[in-house]
């Protein structure tokens, strides 16, 4: 059973919804690609409720990317948007 739901948004953003709320990941559309911070960077960028769910998020995001013909990248500098603010 999936913990996360992924919904692309027109601003090249991927809205991620889980039991504890929402956050946004980068989703450039030139070449459809999803960006996730490294696990270490995730600890300081993620919302509190999702902090310990990195491995599940990574696995589900990789699956979403395969199903949607999107590339998947992990970068330390990848942004995470929480309540209208990016880190």
N, C-alpha and C. Protein backbone atom coordinates (compact mmCIF):
# COMPACT_ATOMS: atom_id res chain seq x y z
N UNK A 1 0.83 -1.18 0.00
CA UNK A 1 0.00 0.00 0.00
C UNK A 1 0.88 1.25 0.00
N UNK A 2 0.57 2.18 -0.86
CA UNK A 2 1.36 3.40 -0.99
C UNK A 2 1.12 4.35 0.17
N UNK A 3 2.20 4.99 0.61
CA UNK A 3 2.10 6.00 1.66
C UNK A 3 1.93 7.39 1.05
N UNK A 4 2.35 7.55 -0.22
CA UNK A 4 2.38 8.86 -0.84
C UNK A 4 1.59 8.89 -2.13
N UNK A 5 1.03 10.07 -2.42
CA UNK A 5 0.33 10.33 -3.68
C UNK A 5 1.09 11.46 -4.36
N UNK A 6 1.31 11.34 -5.67
CA UNK A 6 2.07 12.32 -6.42
C UNK A 6 1.17 13.00 -7.45
N UNK A 7 1.20 14.34 -7.47
CA UNK A 7 0.35 15.10 -8.39
C UNK A 7 1.17 16.23 -9.02
N UNK A 8 1.49 16.13 -10.33
CA UNK A 8 2.20 17.23 -10.98
C UNK A 8 1.37 18.51 -10.95
N UNK A 9 2.06 19.65 -10.87
CA UNK A 9 1.41 20.95 -10.87
C UNK A 9 2.10 21.82 -11.91
N UNK A 10 1.37 22.73 -12.50
CA UNK A 10 1.83 23.54 -13.63
C UNK A 10 3.12 24.31 -13.39
N UNK A 11 3.52 24.56 -12.21
CA UNK A 11 4.72 25.36 -11.93
C UNK A 11 5.98 24.49 -11.92
N UNK A 12 5.95 23.36 -12.61
CA UNK A 12 7.06 22.41 -12.59
C UNK A 12 7.31 21.92 -11.16
N UNK A 13 6.21 21.61 -10.50
CA UNK A 13 6.26 21.10 -9.14
C UNK A 13 5.51 19.78 -9.05
N UNK A 14 5.97 18.94 -8.17
CA UNK A 14 5.31 17.67 -7.89
C UNK A 14 4.80 17.73 -6.45
N UNK A 15 3.49 17.80 -6.30
CA UNK A 15 2.89 17.86 -4.97
C UNK A 15 2.84 16.43 -4.42
N UNK A 16 3.41 16.25 -3.25
CA UNK A 16 3.45 14.94 -2.61
C UNK A 16 2.56 15.01 -1.37
N UNK A 17 1.59 14.11 -1.31
CA UNK A 17 0.66 14.09 -0.20
C UNK A 17 0.82 12.79 0.57
N UNK A 18 0.89 12.89 1.87
CA UNK A 18 0.97 11.72 2.75
C UNK A 18 0.04 11.91 3.92
N UNK A 19 0.05 10.97 4.84
CA UNK A 19 -0.84 11.04 6.00
C UNK A 19 -0.66 12.31 6.83
N UNK A 20 0.56 12.85 6.86
CA UNK A 20 0.83 14.00 7.71
C UNK A 20 0.68 15.35 7.04
N UNK A 21 0.46 15.38 5.72
CA UNK A 21 0.33 16.66 5.03
C UNK A 21 0.87 16.60 3.62
N UNK A 22 1.39 17.74 3.15
CA UNK A 22 1.91 17.85 1.80
C UNK A 22 3.26 18.55 1.80
N UNK A 23 4.03 18.27 0.75
CA UNK A 23 5.23 19.03 0.44
C UNK A 23 5.40 18.98 -1.06
N UNK A 24 6.35 19.74 -1.58
CA UNK A 24 6.54 19.84 -3.02
C UNK A 24 7.98 19.50 -3.37
N UNK A 25 8.13 18.73 -4.45
CA UNK A 25 9.44 18.43 -5.01
C UNK A 25 9.54 19.08 -6.38
N UNK A 26 10.76 19.29 -6.86
CA UNK A 26 10.97 19.87 -8.18
C UNK A 26 10.61 18.84 -9.26
N UNK A 27 9.93 19.31 -10.33
CA UNK A 27 9.54 18.45 -11.43
C UNK A 27 9.68 19.21 -12.75
N UNK A 28 10.93 19.45 -13.21
CA UNK A 28 11.12 20.16 -14.47
C UNK A 28 10.43 19.42 -15.62
N UNK A 29 9.81 20.19 -16.52
CA UNK A 29 9.02 19.61 -17.59
C UNK A 29 9.76 19.53 -18.93
N UNK A 30 10.87 20.27 -19.11
CA UNK A 30 11.60 20.19 -20.39
C UNK A 30 11.87 18.74 -20.74
N UNK A 31 12.49 18.05 -19.84
CA UNK A 31 12.61 16.59 -19.84
C UNK A 31 12.04 16.19 -18.50
N UNK A 32 10.85 15.59 -18.51
CA UNK A 32 10.16 15.27 -17.26
C UNK A 32 11.09 14.54 -16.31
N UNK A 33 11.37 15.17 -15.18
CA UNK A 33 12.34 14.66 -14.21
C UNK A 33 11.91 15.04 -12.81
N UNK A 34 12.03 14.10 -11.88
CA UNK A 34 11.74 14.37 -10.48
C UNK A 34 13.05 14.42 -9.70
N UNK A 35 13.15 15.39 -8.81
CA UNK A 35 14.36 15.59 -8.02
C UNK A 35 14.06 15.36 -6.54
N UNK A 36 14.88 14.54 -5.92
CA UNK A 36 14.77 14.25 -4.50
C UNK A 36 16.11 14.57 -3.85
N UNK A 37 16.12 15.22 -2.69
CA UNK A 37 17.39 15.45 -2.00
C UNK A 37 18.01 14.13 -1.56
N UNK A 38 19.31 14.15 -1.28
CA UNK A 38 19.95 12.98 -0.69
C UNK A 38 19.30 12.70 0.66
N UNK A 39 19.51 11.51 1.17
CA UNK A 39 18.91 11.17 2.46
C UNK A 39 19.40 12.10 3.56
N UNK A 40 20.67 12.44 3.52
CA UNK A 40 21.23 13.34 4.53
C UNK A 40 20.60 14.74 4.43
N UNK A 41 20.48 15.26 3.21
CA UNK A 41 19.87 16.58 3.02
C UNK A 41 18.38 16.56 3.37
N UNK A 42 17.72 15.43 3.12
CA UNK A 42 16.29 15.28 3.43
C UNK A 42 16.01 15.58 4.90
N UNK A 43 16.93 15.19 5.77
CA UNK A 43 16.74 15.37 7.21
C UNK A 43 16.53 16.83 7.59
N UNK A 44 17.16 17.74 6.87
CA UNK A 44 17.02 19.16 7.21
C UNK A 44 15.99 19.89 6.34
N UNK A 45 15.56 19.27 5.23
CA UNK A 45 14.64 19.95 4.31
C UNK A 45 13.20 19.46 4.41
N UNK A 46 13.00 18.28 4.91
CA UNK A 46 11.67 17.65 4.87
C UNK A 46 10.77 18.14 6.00
N UNK A 47 9.46 17.98 5.81
CA UNK A 47 8.55 18.28 6.93
C UNK A 47 8.74 17.23 8.02
N UNK A 48 8.49 17.61 9.24
CA UNK A 48 8.71 16.71 10.38
C UNK A 48 8.01 15.36 10.19
N UNK A 49 6.78 15.38 9.72
CA UNK A 49 6.00 14.14 9.62
C UNK A 49 6.59 13.17 8.59
N UNK A 50 7.38 13.65 7.63
CA UNK A 50 7.93 12.79 6.58
C UNK A 50 9.41 12.48 6.78
N UNK A 51 10.01 13.03 7.80
CA UNK A 51 11.46 12.93 7.99
C UNK A 51 11.97 11.48 8.01
N UNK A 52 11.24 10.58 8.66
CA UNK A 52 11.70 9.19 8.77
C UNK A 52 11.14 8.28 7.69
N UNK A 53 10.57 8.86 6.63
CA UNK A 53 9.96 8.06 5.58
C UNK A 53 10.72 8.13 4.26
N UNK A 54 11.98 8.51 4.31
CA UNK A 54 12.77 8.71 3.10
C UNK A 54 12.80 7.47 2.22
N UNK A 55 13.06 6.31 2.78
CA UNK A 55 13.19 5.10 1.94
C UNK A 55 11.88 4.77 1.25
N UNK A 56 10.75 4.91 1.94
CA UNK A 56 9.45 4.67 1.30
C UNK A 56 9.19 5.71 0.21
N UNK A 57 9.47 6.97 0.50
CA UNK A 57 9.28 8.03 -0.49
C UNK A 57 10.13 7.77 -1.72
N UNK A 58 11.39 7.45 -1.52
CA UNK A 58 12.30 7.20 -2.64
C UNK A 58 11.77 6.05 -3.51
N UNK A 59 11.39 4.97 -2.89
CA UNK A 59 10.89 3.81 -3.62
C UNK A 59 9.61 4.15 -4.40
N UNK A 60 8.68 4.83 -3.76
CA UNK A 60 7.42 5.16 -4.42
C UNK A 60 7.61 6.21 -5.51
N UNK A 61 8.53 7.16 -5.30
CA UNK A 61 8.80 8.16 -6.32
C UNK A 61 9.48 7.52 -7.53
N UNK A 62 10.40 6.60 -7.30
CA UNK A 62 11.02 5.88 -8.41
C UNK A 62 9.97 5.13 -9.23
N UNK A 63 9.04 4.50 -8.57
CA UNK A 63 7.96 3.78 -9.25
C UNK A 63 7.08 4.74 -10.04
N UNK A 64 6.72 5.88 -9.44
CA UNK A 64 5.91 6.88 -10.13
C UNK A 64 6.63 7.36 -11.39
N UNK A 65 7.94 7.58 -11.27
CA UNK A 65 8.73 8.04 -12.42
C UNK A 65 8.72 7.00 -13.54
N UNK A 66 8.89 5.74 -13.21
CA UNK A 66 8.83 4.68 -14.23
C UNK A 66 7.48 4.67 -14.93
N UNK A 67 6.41 4.73 -14.14
CA UNK A 67 5.06 4.68 -14.69
C UNK A 67 4.74 5.90 -15.56
N UNK A 68 5.41 7.02 -15.30
CA UNK A 68 5.13 8.27 -16.02
C UNK A 68 6.25 8.68 -16.98
N UNK A 69 7.15 7.75 -17.26
CA UNK A 69 8.27 8.00 -18.18
C UNK A 69 9.06 9.25 -17.81
N UNK A 70 9.30 9.41 -16.52
CA UNK A 70 10.07 10.54 -16.02
C UNK A 70 11.42 10.05 -15.52
N UNK A 71 12.41 10.89 -15.65
CA UNK A 71 13.73 10.57 -15.08
C UNK A 71 13.68 10.86 -13.58
N UNK A 72 14.55 10.18 -12.84
CA UNK A 72 14.60 10.32 -11.39
C UNK A 72 16.03 10.65 -10.98
N UNK A 73 16.18 11.74 -10.24
CA UNK A 73 17.50 12.17 -9.80
C UNK A 73 17.51 12.41 -8.30
N UNK A 74 18.65 12.10 -7.69
CA UNK A 74 18.88 12.42 -6.28
C UNK A 74 20.06 13.39 -6.23
N UNK A 75 19.80 14.60 -5.74
CA UNK A 75 20.82 15.63 -5.61
C UNK A 75 20.73 16.23 -4.22
N UNK A 76 21.87 16.49 -3.64
CA UNK A 76 21.90 17.12 -2.31
C UNK A 76 21.18 18.46 -2.33
N UNK A 77 21.29 19.19 -3.45
CA UNK A 77 20.73 20.54 -3.53
C UNK A 77 19.27 20.57 -3.99
N UNK A 78 18.65 19.42 -4.23
CA UNK A 78 17.25 19.41 -4.66
C UNK A 78 16.37 20.07 -3.61
N UNK A 79 15.44 20.90 -4.06
CA UNK A 79 14.61 21.66 -3.15
C UNK A 79 13.38 20.89 -2.67
N UNK A 80 12.89 21.29 -1.52
CA UNK A 80 11.64 20.78 -0.97
C UNK A 80 10.82 21.99 -0.54
N UNK A 81 9.59 22.08 -1.06
CA UNK A 81 8.71 23.19 -0.71
C UNK A 81 7.75 22.77 0.39
N UNK A 82 7.70 23.57 1.43
CA UNK A 82 6.79 23.31 2.55
C UNK A 82 6.07 24.61 2.86
N UNK A 83 4.74 24.58 2.78
CA UNK A 83 3.91 25.74 3.10
C UNK A 83 4.37 26.99 2.37
N UNK A 84 4.64 26.85 1.07
CA UNK A 84 5.00 28.00 0.24
C UNK A 84 6.46 28.45 0.34
N UNK A 85 7.27 27.77 1.13
CA UNK A 85 8.68 28.12 1.28
C UNK A 85 9.54 26.96 0.79
N UNK A 86 10.63 27.30 0.10
CA UNK A 86 11.54 26.27 -0.41
C UNK A 86 12.81 26.23 0.42
N UNK A 87 13.29 25.00 0.63
CA UNK A 87 14.58 24.83 1.30
C UNK A 87 15.42 23.84 0.51
